[in-house]
PDB file of all heavy atoms in Angstrom:
ATOM      1  N   ASN A   1       5.355 152.644 -93.171  1.00  0.00           N
ATOM      2  CA  ASN A   1       4.542 151.515 -93.600  1.00  0.00           C
ATOM      3  C   ASN A   1       3.184 151.987 -94.107  1.00  0.00           C
ATOM      4  O   ASN A   1       2.648 151.462 -95.084  1.00  0.00           O
ATOM      5  CB  ASN A   1       4.372 150.542 -92.429  1.00  0.00           C
ATOM      6  CG  ASN A   1       3.791 149.211 -92.851  1.00  0.00           C
ATOM      7  OD1 ASN A   1       4.089 148.714 -93.935  1.00  0.00           O
ATOM      8  ND2 ASN A   1       2.966 148.632 -92.000  1.00  0.00           N
ATOM      9  N   PHE A   2       2.621 152.993 -93.439  1.00  0.00           N
ATOM     10  CA  PHE A   2       1.338 153.534 -93.890  1.00  0.00           C
ATOM     11  C   PHE A   2       1.499 154.498 -95.059  1.00  0.00           C
ATOM     12  O   PHE A   2       0.539 154.759 -95.783  1.00  0.00           O
ATOM     13  CB  PHE A   2       0.626 154.239 -92.729  1.00  0.00           C
ATOM     14  CG  PHE A   2      -0.045 153.292 -91.784  1.00  0.00           C
ATOM     15  CD1 PHE A   2       0.586 152.883 -90.618  1.00  0.00           C
ATOM     16  CD2 PHE A   2      -1.292 152.776 -92.069  1.00  0.00           C
ATOM     17  CE1 PHE A   2      -0.022 151.995 -89.750  1.00  0.00           C
ATOM     18  CE2 PHE A   2      -1.915 151.886 -91.207  1.00  0.00           C
ATOM     19  CZ  PHE A   2      -1.271 151.499 -90.041  1.00  0.00           C
ATOM     20  N   ALA A   3       2.693 155.023 -95.241  1.00  0.00           N
ATOM     21  CA  ALA A   3       2.935 155.896 -96.387  1.00  0.00           C
ATOM     22  C   ALA A   3       3.201 155.100 -97.654  1.00  0.00           C
ATOM     23  O   ALA A   3       2.985 155.598 -98.768  1.00  0.00           O
ATOM     24  CB  ALA A   3       4.121 156.816 -96.091  1.00  0.00           C
ATOM     25  N   ALA A   4       3.673 153.853 -97.506  1.00  0.00           N
ATOM     26  CA  ALA A   4       3.958 153.014 -98.668  1.00  0.00           C
ATOM     27  C   ALA A   4       2.668 152.543 -99.328  1.00  0.00           C
ATOM     28  O   ALA A   4       1.636 152.379 -98.674  1.00  0.00           O
ATOM     29  CB  ALA A   4       4.797 151.815 -98.244  1.00  0.00           C
ATOM     30  N   GLN A   5       2.723 152.308-100.639  1.00  0.00           N
ATOM     31  CA  GLN A   5       1.523 151.952-101.372  1.00  0.00           C
ATOM     32  C   GLN A   5       1.569 150.537-101.947  1.00  0.00           C
ATOM     33  O   GLN A   5       0.667 150.137-102.665  1.00  0.00           O
ATOM     34  CB  GLN A   5       1.287 152.963-102.509  1.00  0.00           C
ATOM     35  CG  GLN A   5       1.108 154.391-102.008  1.00  0.00           C
ATOM     36  CD  GLN A   5       0.615 155.326-103.089  1.00  0.00           C
ATOM     37  OE1 GLN A   5      -0.275 154.995-103.851  1.00  0.00           O
ATOM     38  NE2 GLN A   5       1.207 156.510-103.159  1.00  0.00           N
ATOM     39  N   ASP A   6       2.605 149.770-101.628  1.00  0.00           N
ATOM     40  CA  ASP A   6       2.651 148.389-102.095  1.00  0.00           C
ATOM     41  C   ASP A   6       3.464 147.562-101.110  1.00  0.00           C
ATOM     42  O   ASP A   6       4.254 148.091-100.317  1.00  0.00           O
ATOM     43  CB  ASP A   6       3.256 148.291-103.499  1.00  0.00           C
ATOM     44  CG  ASP A   6       4.681 148.807-103.549  1.00  0.00           C
ATOM     45  OD1 ASP A   6       5.589 148.025-103.251  1.00  0.00           O
ATOM     46  OD2 ASP A   6       4.869 149.998-103.867  1.00  0.00           O
ATOM     47  N   THR A   7       3.277 146.253-101.163  1.00  0.00           N
ATOM     48  CA  THR A   7       3.899 145.354-100.197  1.00  0.00           C
ATOM     49  C   THR A   7       5.414 145.309-100.346  1.00  0.00           C
ATOM     50  O   THR A   7       6.135 145.216 -99.344  1.00  0.00           O
ATOM     51  CB  THR A   7       3.315 143.940-100.359  1.00  0.00           C
ATOM     52  OG1 THR A   7       1.906 144.004-100.179  1.00  0.00           O
ATOM     53  CG2 THR A   7       3.905 142.984 -99.333  1.00  0.00           C
ATOM     54  N   ILE A   8       5.928 145.375-101.574  1.00  0.00           N
ATOM     55  CA  ILE A   8       7.372 145.327-101.778  1.00  0.00           C
ATOM     56  C   ILE A   8       8.041 146.515-101.095  1.00  0.00           C
ATOM     57  O   ILE A   8       9.071 146.363-100.420  1.00  0.00           O
ATOM     58  CB  ILE A   8       7.699 145.315-103.282  1.00  0.00           C
ATOM     59  CG1 ILE A   8       7.116 144.056-103.953  1.00  0.00           C
ATOM     60  CG2 ILE A   8       9.209 145.383-103.493  1.00  0.00           C
ATOM     61  CD1 ILE A   8       7.653 142.766-103.384  1.00  0.00           C
ATOM     62  N   SER A   9       7.453 147.692-101.233  1.00  0.00           N
ATOM     63  CA  SER A   9       8.021 148.875-100.577  1.00  0.00           C
ATOM     64  C   SER A   9       8.030 148.694 -99.072  1.00  0.00           C
ATOM     65  O   SER A   9       9.011 149.036 -98.394  1.00  0.00           O
ATOM     66  CB  SER A   9       7.216 150.122-100.948  1.00  0.00           C
ATOM     67  OG  SER A   9       7.257 150.366-102.332  1.00  0.00           O
ATOM     68  N   ARG A  10       6.935 148.151 -98.530  1.00  0.00           N
ATOM     69  CA  ARG A  10       6.876 147.932 -97.089  1.00  0.00           C
ATOM     70  C   ARG A  10       7.947 146.933 -96.641  1.00  0.00           C
ATOM     71  O   ARG A  10       8.585 147.109 -95.595  1.00  0.00           O
ATOM     72  CB  ARG A  10       5.490 147.422 -96.688  1.00  0.00           C
ATOM     73  CG  ARG A  10       4.391 148.443 -96.914  1.00  0.00           C
ATOM     74  CD  ARG A  10       3.031 147.909 -96.502  1.00  0.00           C
ATOM     75  NE  ARG A  10       1.998 148.868 -96.861  1.00  0.00           N
ATOM     76  CZ  ARG A  10       1.005 148.642 -97.708  1.00  0.00           C
ATOM     77  NH1 ARG A  10       0.892 147.466 -98.285  1.00  0.00           N
ATOM     78  NH2 ARG A  10       0.126 149.581 -97.985  1.00  0.00           N
ATOM     79  N   LEU A  11       8.123 145.878 -97.411  1.00  0.00           N
ATOM     80  CA  LEU A  11       9.115 144.858 -97.067  1.00  0.00           C
ATOM     81  C   LEU A  11      10.517 145.455 -97.036  1.00  0.00           C
ATOM     82  O   LEU A  11      11.292 145.195 -96.109  1.00  0.00           O
ATOM     83  CB  LEU A  11       9.045 143.717 -98.076  1.00  0.00           C
ATOM     84  CG  LEU A  11       9.964 142.525 -97.841  1.00  0.00           C
ATOM     85  CD1 LEU A  11       9.629 141.856 -96.516  1.00  0.00           C
ATOM     86  CD2 LEU A  11       9.843 141.521 -98.986  1.00  0.00           C
ATOM     87  N   VAL A  12      10.846 146.276 -98.017  1.00  0.00           N
ATOM     88  CA  VAL A  12      12.172 146.897 -98.076  1.00  0.00           C
ATOM     89  C   VAL A  12      12.371 147.842 -96.901  1.00  0.00           C
ATOM     90  O   VAL A  12      13.432 147.860 -96.262  1.00  0.00           O
ATOM     91  CB  VAL A  12      12.353 147.637 -99.422  1.00  0.00           C
ATOM     92  CG1 VAL A  12      13.639 148.453 -99.409  1.00  0.00           C
ATOM     93  CG2 VAL A  12      12.365 146.650-100.580  1.00  0.00           C
ATOM     94  N   VAL A  13      11.331 148.649 -96.595  1.00  0.00           N
ATOM     95  CA  VAL A  13      11.429 149.604 -95.482  1.00  0.00           C
ATOM     96  C   VAL A  13      11.646 148.867 -94.166  1.00  0.00           C
ATOM     97  O   VAL A  13      12.504 149.233 -93.363  1.00  0.00           O
ATOM     98  CB  VAL A  13      10.153 150.476 -95.414  1.00  0.00           C
ATOM     99  CG1 VAL A  13      10.078 151.217 -94.087  1.00  0.00           C
ATOM    100  CG2 VAL A  13      10.131 151.472 -96.566  1.00  0.00           C
ATOM    101  N   VAL A  14      10.853 147.825 -93.924  1.00  0.00           N
ATOM    102  CA  VAL A  14      10.970 147.067 -92.674  1.00  0.00           C
ATOM    103  C   VAL A  14      12.356 146.445 -92.566  1.00  0.00           C
ATOM    104  O   VAL A  14      13.005 146.501 -91.511  1.00  0.00           O
ATOM    105  CB  VAL A  14       9.870 145.987 -92.593  1.00  0.00           C
ATOM    106  CG1 VAL A  14      10.106 145.068 -91.394  1.00  0.00           C
ATOM    107  CG2 VAL A  14       8.496 146.638 -92.497  1.00  0.00           C
ATOM    108  N   TYR A  15      12.829 145.832 -93.641  1.00  0.00           N
ATOM    109  CA  TYR A  15      14.124 145.150 -93.601  1.00  0.00           C
ATOM    110  C   TYR A  15      15.257 146.125 -93.307  1.00  0.00           C
ATOM    111  O   TYR A  15      16.072 145.901 -92.397  1.00  0.00           O
ATOM    112  CB  TYR A  15      14.392 144.437 -94.926  1.00  0.00           C
ATOM    113  CG  TYR A  15      15.745 143.749 -94.958  1.00  0.00           C
ATOM    114  CD1 TYR A  15      15.935 142.518 -94.343  1.00  0.00           C
ATOM    115  CD2 TYR A  15      16.833 144.365 -95.561  1.00  0.00           C
ATOM    116  CE1 TYR A  15      17.180 141.907 -94.342  1.00  0.00           C
ATOM    117  CE2 TYR A  15      18.082 143.763 -95.570  1.00  0.00           C
ATOM    118  CZ  TYR A  15      18.246 142.532 -94.957  1.00  0.00           C
ATOM    119  OH  TYR A  15      19.477 141.937 -94.950  1.00  0.00           O
ATOM    120  N   LEU A  16      15.327 147.216 -94.058  1.00  0.00           N
ATOM    121  CA  LEU A  16      16.439 148.159 -93.895  1.00  0.00           C
ATOM    122  C   LEU A  16      16.391 148.829 -92.523  1.00  0.00           C
ATOM    123  O   LEU A  16      17.428 149.035 -91.885  1.00  0.00           O
ATOM    124  CB  LEU A  16      16.405 149.211 -95.003  1.00  0.00           C
ATOM    125  CG  LEU A  16      16.693 148.701 -96.414  1.00  0.00           C
ATOM    126  CD1 LEU A  16      16.572 149.834 -97.418  1.00  0.00           C
ATOM    127  CD2 LEU A  16      18.092 148.087 -96.479  1.00  0.00           C
ATOM    128  N   ALA A  17      15.183 149.163 -92.064  1.00  0.00           N
ATOM    129  CA  ALA A  17      15.071 149.858 -90.779  1.00  0.00           C
ATOM    130  C   ALA A  17      15.507 148.961 -89.627  1.00  0.00           C
ATOM    131  O   ALA A  17      16.301 149.382 -88.763  1.00  0.00           O
ATOM    132  CB  ALA A  17      13.638 150.326 -90.569  1.00  0.00           C
ATOM    133  N   PHE A  18      15.046 147.732 -89.608  1.00  0.00           N
ATOM    134  CA  PHE A  18      15.394 146.848 -88.495  1.00  0.00           C
ATOM    135  C   PHE A  18      16.826 146.324 -88.606  1.00  0.00           C
ATOM    136  O   PHE A  18      17.389 145.865 -87.603  1.00  0.00           O
ATOM    137  CB  PHE A  18      14.403 145.694 -88.399  1.00  0.00           C
ATOM    138  CG  PHE A  18      13.108 146.100 -87.752  1.00  0.00           C
ATOM    139  CD1 PHE A  18      11.981 146.333 -88.514  1.00  0.00           C
ATOM    140  CD2 PHE A  18      13.030 146.285 -86.386  1.00  0.00           C
ATOM    141  CE1 PHE A  18      10.795 146.720 -87.932  1.00  0.00           C
ATOM    142  CE2 PHE A  18      11.850 146.666 -85.786  1.00  0.00           C
ATOM    143  CZ  PHE A  18      10.720 146.901 -86.559  1.00  0.00           C
ATOM    144  N   LEU A  19      17.415 146.396 -89.777  1.00  0.00           N
ATOM    145  CA  LEU A  19      18.819 146.035 -89.925  1.00  0.00           C
ATOM    146  C   LEU A  19      19.712 147.008 -89.157  1.00  0.00           C
ATOM    147  O   LEU A  19      20.805 146.638 -88.699  1.00  0.00           O
ATOM    148  CB  LEU A  19      19.198 146.022 -91.405  1.00  0.00           C
ATOM    149  CG  LEU A  19      20.601 145.539 -91.767  1.00  0.00           C
ATOM    150  CD1 LEU A  19      20.798 144.090 -91.322  1.00  0.00           C
ATOM    151  CD2 LEU A  19      20.826 145.676 -93.266  1.00  0.00           C
ATOM    152  N   THR A  20      19.248 148.246 -89.000  1.00  0.00           N
ATOM    153  CA  THR A  20      20.066 149.244 -88.301  1.00  0.00           C
ATOM    154  C   THR A  20      20.167 148.958 -86.803  1.00  0.00           C
ATOM    155  O   THR A  20      21.082 149.468 -86.144  1.00  0.00           O
ATOM    156  CB  THR A  20      19.481 150.654 -88.489  1.00  0.00           C
ATOM    157  OG1 THR A  20      18.161 150.695 -87.920  1.00  0.00           O
ATOM    158  CG2 THR A  20      19.414 151.022 -89.953  1.00  0.00           C
ATOM    159  N   ILE A  21      19.246 148.149 -86.242  1.00  0.00           N
ATOM    160  CA  ILE A  21      19.297 147.878 -84.799  1.00  0.00           C
ATOM    161  C   ILE A  21      20.551 147.086 -84.427  1.00  0.00           C
ATOM    162  O   ILE A  21      21.324 147.515 -83.556  1.00  0.00           O
ATOM    163  CB  ILE A  21      18.012 147.179 -84.326  1.00  0.00           C
ATOM    164  CG1 ILE A  21      16.824 148.148 -84.428  1.00  0.00           C
ATOM    165  CG2 ILE A  21      18.163 146.670 -82.896  1.00  0.00           C
ATOM    166  CD1 ILE A  21      15.500 147.555 -83.999  1.00  0.00           C
ATOM    167  N   PRO A  22      20.842 145.945 -85.064  1.00  0.00           N
ATOM    168  CA  PRO A  22      22.101 145.256 -84.710  1.00  0.00           C
ATOM    169  C   PRO A  22      23.335 146.000 -85.222  1.00  0.00           C
ATOM    170  O   PRO A  22      24.371 146.005 -84.542  1.00  0.00           O
ATOM    171  CB  PRO A  22      21.948 143.881 -85.374  1.00  0.00           C
ATOM    172  CG  PRO A  22      21.014 144.106 -86.517  1.00  0.00           C
ATOM    173  CD  PRO A  22      20.048 145.153 -86.038  1.00  0.00           C
ATOM    174  N   LEU A  23      23.238 146.606 -86.408  1.00  0.00           N
ATOM    175  CA  LEU A  23      24.400 147.320 -86.938  1.00  0.00           C
ATOM    176  C   LEU A  23      24.732 148.540 -86.087  1.00  0.00           C
ATOM    177  O   LEU A  23      25.898 148.923 -85.968  1.00  0.00           O
ATOM    178  CB  LEU A  23      24.144 147.734 -88.391  1.00  0.00           C
ATOM    179  CG  LEU A  23      24.020 146.588 -89.409  1.00  0.00           C
ATOM    180  CD1 LEU A  23      23.777 147.146 -90.802  1.00  0.00           C
ATOM    181  CD2 LEU A  23      25.256 145.698 -89.390  1.00  0.00           C
ATOM    182  N   GLY A  24      23.718 149.162 -85.496  1.00  0.00           N
ATOM    183  CA  GLY A  24      23.946 150.334 -84.656  1.00  0.00           C
ATOM    184  C   GLY A  24      24.133 149.998 -83.191  1.00  0.00           C
ATOM    185  O   GLY A  24      24.200 150.916 -82.355  1.00  0.00           O
ATOM    186  N   ASN A  25      24.187 148.706 -82.875  1.00  0.00           N
ATOM    187  CA  ASN A  25      24.357 148.257 -81.485  1.00  0.00           C
ATOM    188  C   ASN A  25      23.252 148.817 -80.596  1.00  0.00           C
ATOM    189  O   ASN A  25      23.491 149.264 -79.471  1.00  0.00           O
ATOM    190  CB  ASN A  25      25.731 148.670 -80.953  1.00  0.00           C
ATOM    191  CG  ASN A  25      26.122 147.885 -79.707  1.00  0.00           C
ATOM    192  OD1 ASN A  25      25.653 146.762 -79.495  1.00  0.00           O
ATOM    193  ND2 ASN A  25      26.969 148.474 -78.870  1.00  0.00           N
ATOM    194  N   LEU A  26      21.993 148.778 -81.085  1.00  0.00           N
ATOM    195  CA  LEU A  26      20.840 149.280 -80.354  1.00  0.00           C
ATOM    196  C   LEU A  26      20.116 148.113 -79.679  1.00  0.00           C
ATOM    197  O   LEU A  26      20.460 146.952 -79.884  1.00  0.00           O
ATOM    198  CB  LEU A  26      19.903 150.033 -81.299  1.00  0.00           C
ATOM    199  CG  LEU A  26      20.528 151.171 -82.116  1.00  0.00           C
ATOM    200  CD1 LEU A  26      19.489 151.812 -83.029  1.00  0.00           C
ATOM    201  CD2 LEU A  26      21.159 152.220 -81.202  1.00  0.00           C
ATOM    202  N   ASN A  27      19.117 148.439 -78.892  1.00  0.00           N
ATOM    203  CA  ASN A  27      18.393 147.410 -78.139  1.00  0.00           C
ATOM    204  C   ASN A  27      16.890 147.539 -78.334  1.00  0.00           C
ATOM    205  O   ASN A  27      16.344 148.651 -78.286  1.00  0.00           O
ATOM    206  CB  ASN A  27      18.698 147.505 -76.644  1.00  0.00           C
ATOM    207  CG  ASN A  27      20.139 147.158 -76.312  1.00  0.00           C
ATOM    208  OD1 ASN A  27      20.984 148.040 -76.217  1.00  0.00           O
ATOM    209  ND2 ASN A  27      20.420 145.880 -76.156  1.00  0.00           N
ATOM    210  N   HIS A  28      16.245 146.399 -78.529  1.00  0.00           N
ATOM    211  CA  HIS A  28      14.781 146.332 -78.619  1.00  0.00           C
ATOM    212  C   HIS A  28      14.268 145.566 -77.403  1.00  0.00           C
ATOM    213  O   HIS A  28      14.798 144.501 -77.057  1.00  0.00           O
ATOM    214  CB  HIS A  28      14.358 145.632 -79.915  1.00  0.00           C
ATOM    215  CG  HIS A  28      12.886 145.678 -80.155  1.00  0.00           C
ATOM    216  ND1 HIS A  28      12.010 144.789 -79.567  1.00  0.00           N
ATOM    217  CD2 HIS A  28      12.119 146.515 -80.911  1.00  0.00           C
ATOM    218  CE1 HIS A  28      10.782 145.072 -79.953  1.00  0.00           C
ATOM    219  NE2 HIS A  28      10.814 146.111 -80.764  1.00  0.00           N
ATOM    220  N   SER A  29      13.236 146.082 -76.754  1.00  0.00           N
ATOM    221  CA  SER A  29      12.801 145.550 -75.458  1.00  0.00           C
ATOM    222  C   SER A  29      12.376 144.091 -75.522  1.00  0.00           C
ATOM    223  O   SER A  29      12.700 143.308 -74.609  1.00  0.00           O
ATOM    224  CB  SER A  29      11.655 146.403 -74.904  1.00  0.00           C
ATOM    225  OG  SER A  29      10.602 146.524 -75.846  1.00  0.00           O
ATOM    226  N   VAL A  30      11.642 143.691 -76.561  1.00  0.00           N
ATOM    227  CA  VAL A  30      11.163 142.312 -76.622  1.00  0.00           C
ATOM    228  C   VAL A  30      12.320 141.361 -76.910  1.00  0.00           C
ATOM    229  O   VAL A  30      12.409 140.266 -76.331  1.00  0.00           O
ATOM    230  CB  VAL A  30      10.054 142.164 -77.675  1.00  0.00           C
ATOM    231  CG1 VAL A  30       9.509 140.731 -77.675  1.00  0.00           C
ATOM    232  CG2 VAL A  30       8.914 143.143 -77.405  1.00  0.00           C
TER     233      VAL A  30
END
């Protein structure tokens, strides 16, 4: 997120990264 230089890049990074949590059967504490 800090390496990205525009909001669209940040949005794509956040979406794809957090998509791996349910697809990978992982757990987030909150």
